[in-house]
Amino acid sequence: MSRSMVYLIWVYIMKKSFLRSFKRAILIREGAVAIEFSMLVIPYFLVVFAILEISISLVAEQLFDSTAYTLARKISTGEVRANTTHEQFKKMFCDEIKILFSCEETTKKRFFMDVQKIQSLHDISTIMPKKVNDKKDPNEADYSRFGFRPGGSGTYNVLRAYYYWPLMTDFMSYMLRGTKGGYILMRSVIAFKNEPFLD
């Protein structure tokens, strides 16, 4: 008997056993089991939803980061040139992450990208761009200067990408750092040097 066959049989047995226990706990009308189940069912599902929320967020963040590396590589090899517009470059990014991310017209205010030429690796900004004199929220980010302005062959560049990922379960916003208004900020910052290519 093959391993896959053994695995399928094991899954079938476990599934039947779980469903049988679940039905027994639901249908029972008296005794300690029904009381215990009613006390534990809400915390149980809260934990399940929390695990799913964090798992999906981690997968999405990994996809976001790897896409940033892929597009930074395309810039460094000259495949994506400086004559590409900011919107065209954002669309390239969105096409790579659309399996999990939404870049529709209604979500444009959640996705921000910036590619700039820098003089050296010491010029990389290590802080978020903040709005000056914002009385409502002094930590509000300022993306107004973002654009697509990479250098040519042999230059240093930095790619910054930010996405406000929506949390499905609102109670998770109290447990995760970097959350605001039901969103968690995903970010990727990559510095690179362009390879020699014909401008």
N, C-alpha and C. Protein backbone atom coordinates (compact mmCIF):
# COMPACT_ATOMS: atom_id res chain seq x y z
N MET A 1 0.85 -1.19 0.00
CA MET A 1 0.00 0.00 0.00
C MET A 1 0.89 1.25 0.00
N SER A 2 0.60 2.20 -0.88
CA SER A 2 1.42 3.40 -1.02
C SER A 2 1.21 4.35 0.15
N ARG A 3 2.18 5.28 0.30
CA ARG A 3 2.09 6.26 1.38
C ARG A 3 0.87 7.17 1.21
N SER A 4 0.61 7.55 -0.04
CA SER A 4 -0.53 8.43 -0.30
C SER A 4 -1.84 7.77 0.08
N MET A 5 -1.92 6.44 -0.15
CA MET A 5 -3.14 5.70 0.20
C MET A 5 -3.31 5.66 1.71
N VAL A 6 -2.21 5.41 2.43
CA VAL A 6 -2.24 5.38 3.89
C VAL A 6 -2.65 6.74 4.43
N TYR A 7 -2.11 7.79 3.82
CA TYR A 7 -2.43 9.16 4.25
C TYR A 7 -3.91 9.45 4.06
N LEU A 8 -4.47 9.06 2.92
CA LEU A 8 -5.89 9.30 2.64
C LEU A 8 -6.79 8.56 3.62
N ILE A 9 -6.40 7.32 3.94
CA ILE A 9 -7.18 6.54 4.91
C ILE A 9 -7.13 7.20 6.28
N TRP A 10 -5.93 7.67 6.66
CA TRP A 10 -5.76 8.33 7.96
C TRP A 10 -6.61 9.60 8.04
N VAL A 11 -6.59 10.40 6.97
CA VAL A 11 -7.40 11.62 6.92
C VAL A 11 -8.88 11.30 7.03
N TYR A 12 -9.32 10.25 6.33
CA TYR A 12 -10.73 9.84 6.36
C TYR A 12 -11.15 9.43 7.77
N ILE A 13 -10.29 8.65 8.45
CA ILE A 13 -10.62 8.19 9.81
C ILE A 13 -10.67 9.37 10.77
N MET A 14 -9.68 10.26 10.66
CA MET A 14 -9.64 11.43 11.55
C MET A 14 -10.85 12.32 11.33
N LYS A 15 -11.24 12.48 10.05
CA LYS A 15 -12.38 13.32 9.73
C LYS A 15 -13.66 12.74 10.33
N LYS A 16 -13.85 11.44 10.16
CA LYS A 16 -15.05 10.80 10.70
C LYS A 16 -15.07 10.88 12.22
N SER A 17 -13.89 10.68 12.84
CA SER A 17 -13.81 10.73 14.30
C SER A 17 -14.13 12.13 14.82
N PHE A 18 -13.60 13.16 14.13
CA PHE A 18 -13.86 14.54 14.55
C PHE A 18 -15.33 14.89 14.40
N LEU A 19 -15.93 14.52 13.26
CA LEU A 19 -17.34 14.83 13.02
C LEU A 19 -18.24 14.11 14.01
N ARG A 20 -17.88 12.87 14.34
CA ARG A 20 -18.69 12.11 15.29
C ARG A 20 -18.65 12.77 16.67
N SER A 21 -17.45 13.18 17.09
CA SER A 21 -17.31 13.85 18.39
C SER A 21 -18.02 15.19 18.40
N PHE A 22 -17.91 15.92 17.28
CA PHE A 22 -18.54 17.23 17.18
C PHE A 22 -20.06 17.12 17.27
N LYS A 23 -20.63 16.16 16.53
CA LYS A 23 -22.09 15.95 16.56
C LYS A 23 -22.55 15.53 17.95
N ARG A 24 -21.75 14.68 18.60
CA ARG A 24 -22.13 14.22 19.93
C ARG A 24 -22.17 15.39 20.91
N ALA A 25 -21.18 16.29 20.78
CA ALA A 25 -21.13 17.44 21.67
C ALA A 25 -22.26 18.42 21.39
N ILE A 26 -22.64 18.55 20.12
CA ILE A 26 -23.71 19.48 19.74
C ILE A 26 -25.08 18.95 20.16
N LEU A 27 -25.31 17.68 19.93
CA LEU A 27 -26.63 17.10 20.14
C LEU A 27 -26.93 16.77 21.60
N ILE A 28 -25.91 16.66 22.40
CA ILE A 28 -26.15 16.29 23.80
C ILE A 28 -26.92 17.40 24.51
N ARG A 29 -27.86 17.06 25.34
CA ARG A 29 -28.72 18.04 25.99
C ARG A 29 -28.49 18.13 27.50
N GLU A 30 -27.67 17.26 28.02
CA GLU A 30 -27.43 17.31 29.45
C GLU A 30 -26.02 16.84 29.74
N GLY A 31 -25.56 17.17 30.92
CA GLY A 31 -24.25 16.71 31.33
C GLY A 31 -23.17 17.77 31.18
N ALA A 32 -22.01 17.42 31.73
CA ALA A 32 -20.89 18.36 31.78
C ALA A 32 -20.30 18.64 30.40
N VAL A 33 -20.39 17.67 29.48
CA VAL A 33 -19.78 17.85 28.16
C VAL A 33 -20.40 19.03 27.42
N ALA A 34 -21.73 19.12 27.45
CA ALA A 34 -22.41 20.21 26.75
C ALA A 34 -22.04 21.56 27.35
N ILE A 35 -21.92 21.62 28.67
CA ILE A 35 -21.56 22.88 29.34
C ILE A 35 -20.13 23.27 28.99
N GLU A 36 -19.23 22.29 29.04
CA GLU A 36 -17.83 22.57 28.71
C GLU A 36 -17.68 23.03 27.27
N PHE A 37 -18.42 22.38 26.38
CA PHE A 37 -18.33 22.75 24.96
C PHE A 37 -18.82 24.18 24.75
N SER A 38 -19.91 24.54 25.40
CA SER A 38 -20.45 25.90 25.23
C SER A 38 -19.50 26.96 25.79
N MET A 39 -18.71 26.58 26.79
CA MET A 39 -17.76 27.52 27.37
C MET A 39 -16.51 27.67 26.51
N LEU A 40 -16.13 26.62 25.82
CA LEU A 40 -14.88 26.62 25.08
C LEU A 40 -15.02 26.96 23.60
N VAL A 41 -16.24 26.91 23.06
CA VAL A 41 -16.39 27.06 21.61
C VAL A 41 -15.98 28.45 21.13
N ILE A 42 -16.31 29.50 21.89
CA ILE A 42 -15.96 30.87 21.46
C ILE A 42 -14.44 31.10 21.51
N PRO A 43 -13.76 30.79 22.64
CA PRO A 43 -12.30 30.93 22.64
C PRO A 43 -11.61 30.08 21.57
N TYR A 44 -12.18 28.89 21.33
CA TYR A 44 -11.60 28.01 20.32
C TYR A 44 -11.62 28.66 18.94
N PHE A 45 -12.77 29.18 18.55
CA PHE A 45 -12.88 29.80 17.22
C PHE A 45 -12.09 31.11 17.14
N LEU A 46 -11.96 31.82 18.26
CA LEU A 46 -11.12 33.02 18.27
C LEU A 46 -9.67 32.66 17.98
N VAL A 47 -9.20 31.58 18.58
CA VAL A 47 -7.83 31.12 18.34
C VAL A 47 -7.65 30.67 16.89
N VAL A 48 -8.64 29.94 16.37
CA VAL A 48 -8.58 29.48 14.98
C VAL A 48 -8.51 30.66 14.01
N PHE A 49 -9.38 31.65 14.22
CA PHE A 49 -9.39 32.82 13.34
C PHE A 49 -8.09 33.62 13.46
N ALA A 50 -7.54 33.69 14.68
CA ALA A 50 -6.28 34.40 14.87
C ALA A 50 -5.14 33.71 14.13
N ILE A 51 -5.11 32.39 14.18
CA ILE A 51 -4.08 31.63 13.47
C ILE A 51 -4.21 31.83 11.97
N LEU A 52 -5.43 31.77 11.46
CA LEU A 52 -5.66 31.97 10.03
C LEU A 52 -5.26 33.39 9.61
N GLU A 53 -5.63 34.37 10.41
CA GLU A 53 -5.31 35.77 10.10
C GLU A 53 -3.80 35.99 10.00
N ILE A 54 -3.08 35.51 11.00
CA ILE A 54 -1.63 35.69 11.02
C ILE A 54 -0.97 34.92 9.89
N SER A 55 -1.44 33.70 9.63
CA SER A 55 -0.86 32.88 8.56
C SER A 55 -1.02 33.54 7.20
N ILE A 56 -2.22 34.02 6.90
CA ILE A 56 -2.47 34.68 5.61
C ILE A 56 -1.64 35.96 5.50
N SER A 57 -1.54 36.71 6.59
CA SER A 57 -0.76 37.95 6.58
C SER A 57 0.72 37.67 6.32
N LEU A 58 1.25 36.61 6.92
CA LEU A 58 2.66 36.26 6.72
C LEU A 58 2.92 35.82 5.28
N VAL A 59 2.01 35.03 4.72
CA VAL A 59 2.16 34.61 3.32
C VAL A 59 2.10 35.82 2.39
N ALA A 60 1.16 36.73 2.66
CA ALA A 60 1.02 37.93 1.84
C ALA A 60 2.26 38.81 1.93
N GLU A 61 2.81 38.93 3.13
CA GLU A 61 4.01 39.77 3.32
C GLU A 61 5.21 39.17 2.59
N GLN A 62 5.31 37.84 2.60
CA GLN A 62 6.40 37.18 1.88
C GLN A 62 6.27 37.39 0.38
N LEU A 63 5.05 37.29 -0.14
CA LEU A 63 4.80 37.54 -1.56
C LEU A 63 5.13 38.99 -1.91
N PHE A 64 4.73 39.92 -1.06
CA PHE A 64 4.99 41.34 -1.28
C PHE A 64 6.49 41.62 -1.34
N ASP A 65 7.23 41.05 -0.40
CA ASP A 65 8.67 41.28 -0.33
C ASP A 65 9.41 40.65 -1.51
N SER A 66 9.04 39.42 -1.87
CA SER A 66 9.71 38.75 -2.99
C SER A 66 9.43 39.45 -4.31
N THR A 67 8.22 40.02 -4.46
CA THR A 67 7.90 40.77 -5.67
C THR A 67 8.74 42.03 -5.77
N ALA A 68 8.95 42.69 -4.63
CA ALA A 68 9.80 43.88 -4.62
C ALA A 68 11.22 43.53 -5.06
N TYR A 69 11.74 42.40 -4.59
CA TYR A 69 13.07 41.96 -5.00
C TYR A 69 13.11 41.66 -6.50
N THR A 70 12.07 41.01 -7.00
CA THR A 70 12.01 40.67 -8.42
C THR A 70 12.04 41.91 -9.30
N LEU A 71 11.25 42.92 -8.95
CA LEU A 71 11.19 44.13 -9.76
C LEU A 71 12.45 44.98 -9.59
N ALA A 72 13.05 44.95 -8.41
CA ALA A 72 14.33 45.64 -8.22
C ALA A 72 15.40 45.01 -9.12
N ARG A 73 15.34 43.72 -9.26
CA ARG A 73 16.28 43.01 -10.15
C ARG A 73 16.06 43.42 -11.60
N LYS A 74 14.82 43.59 -12.00
CA LYS A 74 14.53 44.00 -13.38
C LYS A 74 15.04 45.41 -13.67
N ILE A 75 15.00 46.27 -12.65
CA ILE A 75 15.55 47.62 -12.83
C ILE A 75 17.07 47.55 -12.93
N SER A 76 17.69 46.76 -12.07
CA SER A 76 19.15 46.70 -12.03
C SER A 76 19.75 46.10 -13.30
N THR A 77 19.01 45.26 -13.99
CA THR A 77 19.51 44.66 -15.23
C THR A 77 19.13 45.47 -16.47
N GLY A 78 18.34 46.52 -16.29
CA GLY A 78 17.94 47.36 -17.42
C GLY A 78 16.70 46.87 -18.13
N GLU A 79 16.07 45.81 -17.61
CA GLU A 79 14.84 45.32 -18.24
C GLU A 79 13.71 46.34 -18.09
N VAL A 80 13.67 47.00 -16.94
CA VAL A 80 12.74 48.10 -16.72
C VAL A 80 13.55 49.39 -16.72
N ARG A 81 13.24 50.29 -17.64
CA ARG A 81 14.03 51.51 -17.84
C ARG A 81 13.38 52.72 -17.18
N ALA A 82 14.15 53.81 -17.16
CA ALA A 82 13.71 55.05 -16.51
C ALA A 82 12.54 55.71 -17.24
N ASN A 83 12.33 55.34 -18.51
CA ASN A 83 11.20 55.94 -19.24
C ASN A 83 9.86 55.30 -18.88
N THR A 84 9.88 54.29 -18.02
CA THR A 84 8.64 53.69 -17.51
C THR A 84 7.98 54.68 -16.55
N THR A 85 6.67 54.84 -16.66
CA THR A 85 5.97 55.76 -15.76
C THR A 85 5.73 55.12 -14.40
N HIS A 86 5.42 55.96 -13.44
CA HIS A 86 5.14 55.49 -12.09
C HIS A 86 3.94 54.55 -12.07
N GLU A 87 2.90 54.90 -12.80
CA GLU A 87 1.69 54.06 -12.84
C GLU A 87 1.96 52.73 -13.54
N GLN A 88 2.78 52.75 -14.59
CA GLN A 88 3.12 51.51 -15.28
C GLN A 88 3.89 50.57 -14.36
N PHE A 89 4.80 51.14 -13.58
CA PHE A 89 5.59 50.31 -12.67
C PHE A 89 4.72 49.74 -11.55
N LYS A 90 3.80 50.55 -11.04
CA LYS A 90 2.88 50.06 -10.01
C LYS A 90 2.01 48.93 -10.56
N LYS A 91 1.63 49.04 -11.83
CA LYS A 91 0.82 47.98 -12.45
C LYS A 91 1.63 46.69 -12.57
N MET A 92 2.92 46.81 -12.90
CA MET A 92 3.78 45.63 -12.95
C MET A 92 3.80 44.93 -11.59
N PHE A 93 3.92 45.74 -10.55
CA PHE A 93 3.94 45.20 -9.19
C PHE A 93 2.61 44.52 -8.87
N CYS A 94 1.52 45.20 -9.20
CA CYS A 94 0.19 44.67 -8.90
C CYS A 94 -0.08 43.36 -9.64
N ASP A 95 0.40 43.26 -10.87
CA ASP A 95 0.19 42.04 -11.65
C ASP A 95 0.85 40.83 -11.00
N GLU A 96 1.94 41.08 -10.27
CA GLU A 96 2.66 40.00 -9.61
C GLU A 96 2.01 39.56 -8.30
N ILE A 97 1.28 40.47 -7.66
CA ILE A 97 0.75 40.17 -6.32
C ILE A 97 -0.77 40.04 -6.30
N LYS A 98 -1.40 40.09 -7.47
CA LYS A 98 -2.87 40.14 -7.51
C LYS A 98 -3.56 38.90 -6.96
N ILE A 99 -2.82 37.81 -6.80
CA ILE A 99 -3.43 36.59 -6.26
C ILE A 99 -3.90 36.81 -4.81
N LEU A 100 -3.23 37.72 -4.08
CA LEU A 100 -3.62 38.00 -2.69
C LEU A 100 -3.95 39.46 -2.42
N PHE A 101 -3.45 40.35 -3.25
CA PHE A 101 -3.62 41.79 -3.01
C PHE A 101 -4.59 42.39 -4.01
N SER A 102 -5.23 43.47 -3.57
CA SER A 102 -6.14 44.19 -4.44
C SER A 102 -5.53 45.54 -4.79
N CYS A 103 -5.41 45.83 -6.08
CA CYS A 103 -4.88 47.12 -6.54
C CYS A 103 -5.91 47.84 -7.38
N GLU A 104 -7.18 47.60 -7.07
CA GLU A 104 -8.24 48.24 -7.84
C GLU A 104 -8.31 49.74 -7.53
N GLU A 105 -9.19 50.43 -8.25
CA GLU A 105 -9.32 51.88 -8.09
C GLU A 105 -9.68 52.25 -6.65
N THR A 106 -10.47 51.41 -6.01
CA THR A 106 -10.91 51.71 -4.64
C THR A 106 -9.82 51.49 -3.60
N THR A 107 -8.76 50.76 -3.96
CA THR A 107 -7.70 50.46 -2.99
C THR A 107 -6.38 51.15 -3.33
N LYS A 108 -6.39 52.09 -4.26
CA LYS A 108 -5.15 52.76 -4.64
C LYS A 108 -4.54 53.54 -3.48
N LYS A 109 -5.37 54.00 -2.57
CA LYS A 109 -4.86 54.77 -1.43
C LYS A 109 -4.20 53.88 -0.38
N ARG A 110 -4.16 52.57 -0.64
CA ARG A 110 -3.52 51.65 0.30
C ARG A 110 -2.17 51.16 -0.22
N PHE A 111 -1.83 51.45 -1.47
CA PHE A 111 -0.61 50.93 -2.08
C PHE A 111 0.25 52.08 -2.59
N PHE A 112 1.50 52.12 -2.12
CA PHE A 112 2.41 53.21 -2.49
C PHE A 112 3.78 52.64 -2.85
N MET A 113 4.38 53.20 -3.91
CA MET A 113 5.70 52.75 -4.36
C MET A 113 6.58 53.93 -4.70
N ASP A 114 7.88 53.74 -4.50
CA ASP A 114 8.83 54.79 -4.82
C ASP A 114 10.14 54.16 -5.26
N VAL A 115 10.69 54.65 -6.37
CA VAL A 115 12.01 54.23 -6.84
C VAL A 115 12.81 55.49 -7.12
N GLN A 116 13.94 55.63 -6.44
CA GLN A 116 14.76 56.84 -6.58
C GLN A 116 16.23 56.47 -6.73
N LYS A 117 16.94 57.32 -7.46
CA LYS A 117 18.39 57.20 -7.56
C LYS A 117 19.01 57.84 -6.32
N ILE A 118 20.03 57.19 -5.77
CA ILE A 118 20.75 57.73 -4.62
C ILE A 118 22.24 57.78 -4.95
N GLN A 119 22.96 58.64 -4.24
CA GLN A 119 24.38 58.82 -4.52
C GLN A 119 25.22 57.65 -4.00
N SER A 120 24.82 57.13 -2.83
CA SER A 120 25.54 55.99 -2.24
C SER A 120 24.59 55.25 -1.31
N LEU A 121 25.03 54.12 -0.82
CA LEU A 121 24.19 53.32 0.08
C LEU A 121 23.99 54.01 1.43
N HIS A 122 24.82 55.01 1.72
CA HIS A 122 24.66 55.76 2.98
C HIS A 122 23.48 56.72 2.91
N ASP A 123 22.95 56.95 1.72
CA ASP A 123 21.86 57.91 1.56
C ASP A 123 20.47 57.28 1.71
N ILE A 124 20.42 56.00 2.04
CA ILE A 124 19.13 55.33 2.18
C ILE A 124 18.40 55.87 3.41
N SER A 125 17.16 56.27 3.24
CA SER A 125 16.37 56.77 4.36
C SER A 125 15.93 55.60 5.23
N THR A 126 16.13 55.74 6.53
CA THR A 126 15.76 54.67 7.46
C THR A 126 14.47 54.99 8.22
N ILE A 127 13.81 56.09 7.86
CA ILE A 127 12.57 56.47 8.54
C ILE A 127 11.44 56.60 7.54
N MET A 128 10.22 56.46 8.03
CA MET A 128 9.04 56.63 7.18
C MET A 128 8.89 58.09 6.81
N PRO A 129 8.47 58.40 5.58
CA PRO A 129 8.19 59.80 5.22
C PRO A 129 6.96 60.29 5.97
N LYS A 130 7.10 61.32 6.78
CA LYS A 130 6.00 61.81 7.60
C LYS A 130 5.51 63.17 7.10
N LYS A 131 4.22 63.40 7.28
CA LYS A 131 3.65 64.70 6.96
C LYS A 131 4.08 65.72 8.02
N VAL A 132 4.46 66.90 7.57
CA VAL A 132 4.92 67.94 8.48
C VAL A 132 3.71 68.72 9.02
N ASN A 133 3.73 68.99 10.32
CA ASN A 133 2.69 69.80 10.97
C ASN A 133 1.28 69.23 10.78
N ASP A 134 1.18 67.91 10.84
CA ASP A 134 -0.14 67.29 10.77
C ASP A 134 -0.69 67.17 12.19
N LYS A 135 -1.63 68.05 12.54
CA LYS A 135 -2.16 68.09 13.90
C LYS A 135 -3.05 66.89 14.21
N LYS A 136 -3.71 66.35 13.17
CA LYS A 136 -4.60 65.22 13.39
C LYS A 136 -3.80 63.97 13.77
N ASP A 137 -2.73 63.73 13.03
CA ASP A 137 -1.91 62.55 13.28
C ASP A 137 -0.47 62.86 12.91
N PRO A 138 0.40 63.13 13.89
CA PRO A 138 1.79 63.46 13.59
C PRO A 138 2.57 62.31 12.97
N ASN A 139 2.04 61.08 13.06
CA ASN A 139 2.71 59.92 12.48
C ASN A 139 2.17 59.56 11.10
N GLU A 140 1.30 60.39 10.55
CA GLU A 140 0.72 60.12 9.24
C GLU A 140 1.82 60.16 8.17
N ALA A 141 1.86 59.13 7.35
CA ALA A 141 2.90 59.04 6.32
C ALA A 141 2.60 59.99 5.16
N ASP A 142 3.66 60.46 4.52
CA ASP A 142 3.54 61.37 3.38
C ASP A 142 4.12 60.68 2.14
N TYR A 143 3.25 60.34 1.21
CA TYR A 143 3.68 59.66 -0.01
C TYR A 143 3.62 60.57 -1.24
N SER A 144 3.46 61.87 -1.02
CA SER A 144 3.26 62.79 -2.14
C SER A 144 4.48 62.91 -3.05
N ARG A 145 5.67 62.65 -2.53
CA ARG A 145 6.89 62.78 -3.33
C ARG A 145 7.32 61.46 -3.96
N PHE A 146 6.53 60.43 -3.79
CA PHE A 146 6.88 59.14 -4.37
C PHE A 146 6.76 59.19 -5.89
N GLY A 147 7.64 58.47 -6.56
CA GLY A 147 7.61 58.43 -8.01
C GLY A 147 8.51 57.32 -8.52
N PHE A 148 8.76 57.33 -9.82
CA PHE A 148 9.64 56.33 -10.43
C PHE A 148 10.76 57.09 -11.15
N ARG A 149 11.91 57.24 -10.47
CA ARG A 149 13.03 57.99 -11.02
C ARG A 149 14.34 57.24 -10.78
N PRO A 150 14.50 56.06 -11.37
CA PRO A 150 15.74 55.31 -11.19
C PRO A 150 16.88 55.90 -12.01
N GLY A 151 18.09 55.57 -11.62
CA GLY A 151 19.26 56.03 -12.37
C GLY A 151 19.59 55.09 -13.52
N GLY A 152 20.65 55.41 -14.22
CA GLY A 152 21.06 54.59 -15.36
C GLY A 152 22.04 53.50 -14.97
N SER A 153 22.87 53.11 -15.91
CA SER A 153 23.83 52.03 -15.70
C SER A 153 24.82 52.38 -14.59
N GLY A 154 25.03 51.43 -13.67
CA GLY A 154 26.03 51.60 -12.62
C GLY A 154 25.64 52.50 -11.47
N THR A 155 24.40 52.96 -11.42
CA THR A 155 23.97 53.86 -10.34
C THR A 155 23.35 53.09 -9.18
N TYR A 156 23.33 53.75 -8.03
CA TYR A 156 22.66 53.18 -6.86
C TYR A 156 21.20 53.64 -6.84
N ASN A 157 20.32 52.74 -6.45
CA ASN A 157 18.89 53.05 -6.39
C ASN A 157 18.28 52.43 -5.14
N VAL A 158 17.13 52.94 -4.77
CA VAL A 158 16.39 52.36 -3.66
C VAL A 158 14.92 52.24 -4.06
N LEU A 159 14.35 51.08 -3.79
CA LEU A 159 12.93 50.82 -4.06
C LEU A 159 12.22 50.69 -2.72
N ARG A 160 11.14 51.45 -2.56
CA ARG A 160 10.32 51.38 -1.34
C ARG A 160 8.88 51.07 -1.73
N ALA A 161 8.31 50.10 -1.06
CA ALA A 161 6.91 49.72 -1.34
C ALA A 161 6.17 49.59 -0.02
N TYR A 162 4.95 50.14 0.01
CA TYR A 162 4.12 50.11 1.21
C TYR A 162 2.70 49.69 0.81
N TYR A 163 2.11 48.82 1.64
CA TYR A 163 0.73 48.39 1.39
C TYR A 163 0.01 48.24 2.72
N TYR A 164 -1.16 48.85 2.81
CA TYR A 164 -1.99 48.72 4.03
C TYR A 164 -2.90 47.50 3.87
N TRP A 165 -2.50 46.43 4.52
CA TRP A 165 -3.21 45.14 4.42
C TRP A 165 -4.41 45.13 5.37
N PRO A 166 -5.61 44.85 4.85
CA PRO A 166 -6.80 44.86 5.72
C PRO A 166 -6.87 43.61 6.59
N LEU A 167 -7.20 43.80 7.85
CA LEU A 167 -7.39 42.68 8.76
C LEU A 167 -8.82 42.18 8.67
N MET A 168 -8.99 40.88 8.48
CA MET A 168 -10.32 40.29 8.36
C MET A 168 -11.03 40.26 9.71
N THR A 169 -10.28 39.92 10.74
CA THR A 169 -10.84 39.85 12.09
C THR A 169 -10.38 41.08 12.85
N ASP A 170 -11.30 41.97 13.14
CA ASP A 170 -10.96 43.27 13.72
C ASP A 170 -10.29 43.17 15.08
N PHE A 171 -10.62 42.13 15.86
CA PHE A 171 -10.03 42.03 17.19
C PHE A 171 -8.53 41.80 17.14
N MET A 172 -8.02 41.35 15.96
CA MET A 172 -6.58 41.13 15.82
C MET A 172 -5.81 42.44 15.82
N SER A 173 -6.47 43.55 15.52
CA SER A 173 -5.77 44.84 15.46
C SER A 173 -5.24 45.25 16.83
N TYR A 174 -5.82 44.70 17.89
CA TYR A 174 -5.35 45.02 19.24
C TYR A 174 -4.14 44.16 19.62
N MET A 175 -3.88 43.11 18.86
CA MET A 175 -2.80 42.19 19.21
C MET A 175 -1.57 42.35 18.33
N LEU A 176 -1.71 42.96 17.15
CA LEU A 176 -0.60 43.10 16.22
C LEU A 176 -0.04 44.51 16.25
N ARG A 177 1.28 44.61 16.23
CA ARG A 177 1.92 45.92 16.19
C ARG A 177 1.83 46.50 14.79
N GLY A 178 1.83 47.82 14.71
CA GLY A 178 1.83 48.49 13.41
C GLY A 178 0.48 48.53 12.75
N THR A 179 -0.58 48.29 13.50
CA THR A 179 -1.92 48.32 12.92
C THR A 179 -2.58 49.66 13.18
N LYS A 180 -3.45 50.04 12.25
CA LYS A 180 -4.17 51.31 12.40
C LYS A 180 -5.45 51.23 11.59
N GLY A 181 -6.58 51.48 12.26
CA GLY A 181 -7.86 51.51 11.56
C GLY A 181 -8.21 50.23 10.85
N GLY A 182 -7.82 49.09 11.41
CA GLY A 182 -8.14 47.81 10.78
C GLY A 182 -7.17 47.39 9.69
N TYR A 183 -6.02 48.07 9.59
CA TYR A 183 -5.02 47.73 8.57
C TYR A 183 -3.66 47.53 9.23
N ILE A 184 -2.85 46.67 8.61
CA ILE A 184 -1.47 46.49 9.04
C ILE A 184 -0.56 46.92 7.89
N LEU A 185 0.47 47.69 8.19
CA LEU A 185 1.34 48.22 7.15
C LEU A 185 2.42 47.21 6.79
N MET A 186 2.39 46.77 5.53
CA MET A 186 3.46 45.92 4.99
C MET A 186 4.42 46.82 4.23
N ARG A 187 5.71 46.56 4.39
CA ARG A 187 6.69 47.41 3.73
C ARG A 187 7.87 46.59 3.23
N SER A 188 8.49 47.09 2.19
CA SER A 188 9.69 46.46 1.65
C SER A 188 10.60 47.56 1.12
N VAL A 189 11.84 47.58 1.58
CA VAL A 189 12.82 48.57 1.15
C VAL A 189 14.05 47.83 0.64
N ILE A 190 14.42 48.09 -0.62
CA ILE A 190 15.53 47.38 -1.25
C ILE A 190 16.47 48.38 -1.90
N ALA A 191 17.74 48.31 -1.53
CA ALA A 191 18.77 49.14 -2.17
C ALA A 191 19.59 48.25 -3.09
N PHE A 192 19.93 48.77 -4.25
CA PHE A 192 20.67 47.96 -5.22
C PHE A 192 21.48 48.86 -6.15
N LYS A 193 22.46 48.24 -6.80
CA LYS A 193 23.27 48.95 -7.78
C LYS A 193 22.98 48.38 -9.16
N ASN A 194 22.72 49.25 -10.10
CA ASN A 194 22.43 48.80 -11.47
C ASN A 194 23.66 48.17 -12.11
N GLU A 195 23.43 47.13 -12.86
CA GLU A 195 24.50 46.50 -13.61
C GLU A 195 24.83 47.35 -14.85
N PRO A 196 25.99 47.14 -15.44
CA PRO A 196 26.31 47.88 -16.68
C PRO A 196 25.37 47.47 -17.81
N PHE A 197 24.69 48.42 -18.39
CA PHE A 197 23.84 48.17 -19.55
C PHE A 197 23.77 49.44 -20.39
N LEU A 198 23.33 49.30 -21.62
CA LEU A 198 23.25 50.44 -22.53
C LEU A 198 22.04 51.29 -22.18
N ASP A 199 22.27 52.58 -21.88
CA ASP A 199 21.17 53.49 -21.55
C ASP A 199 20.35 53.82 -22.79
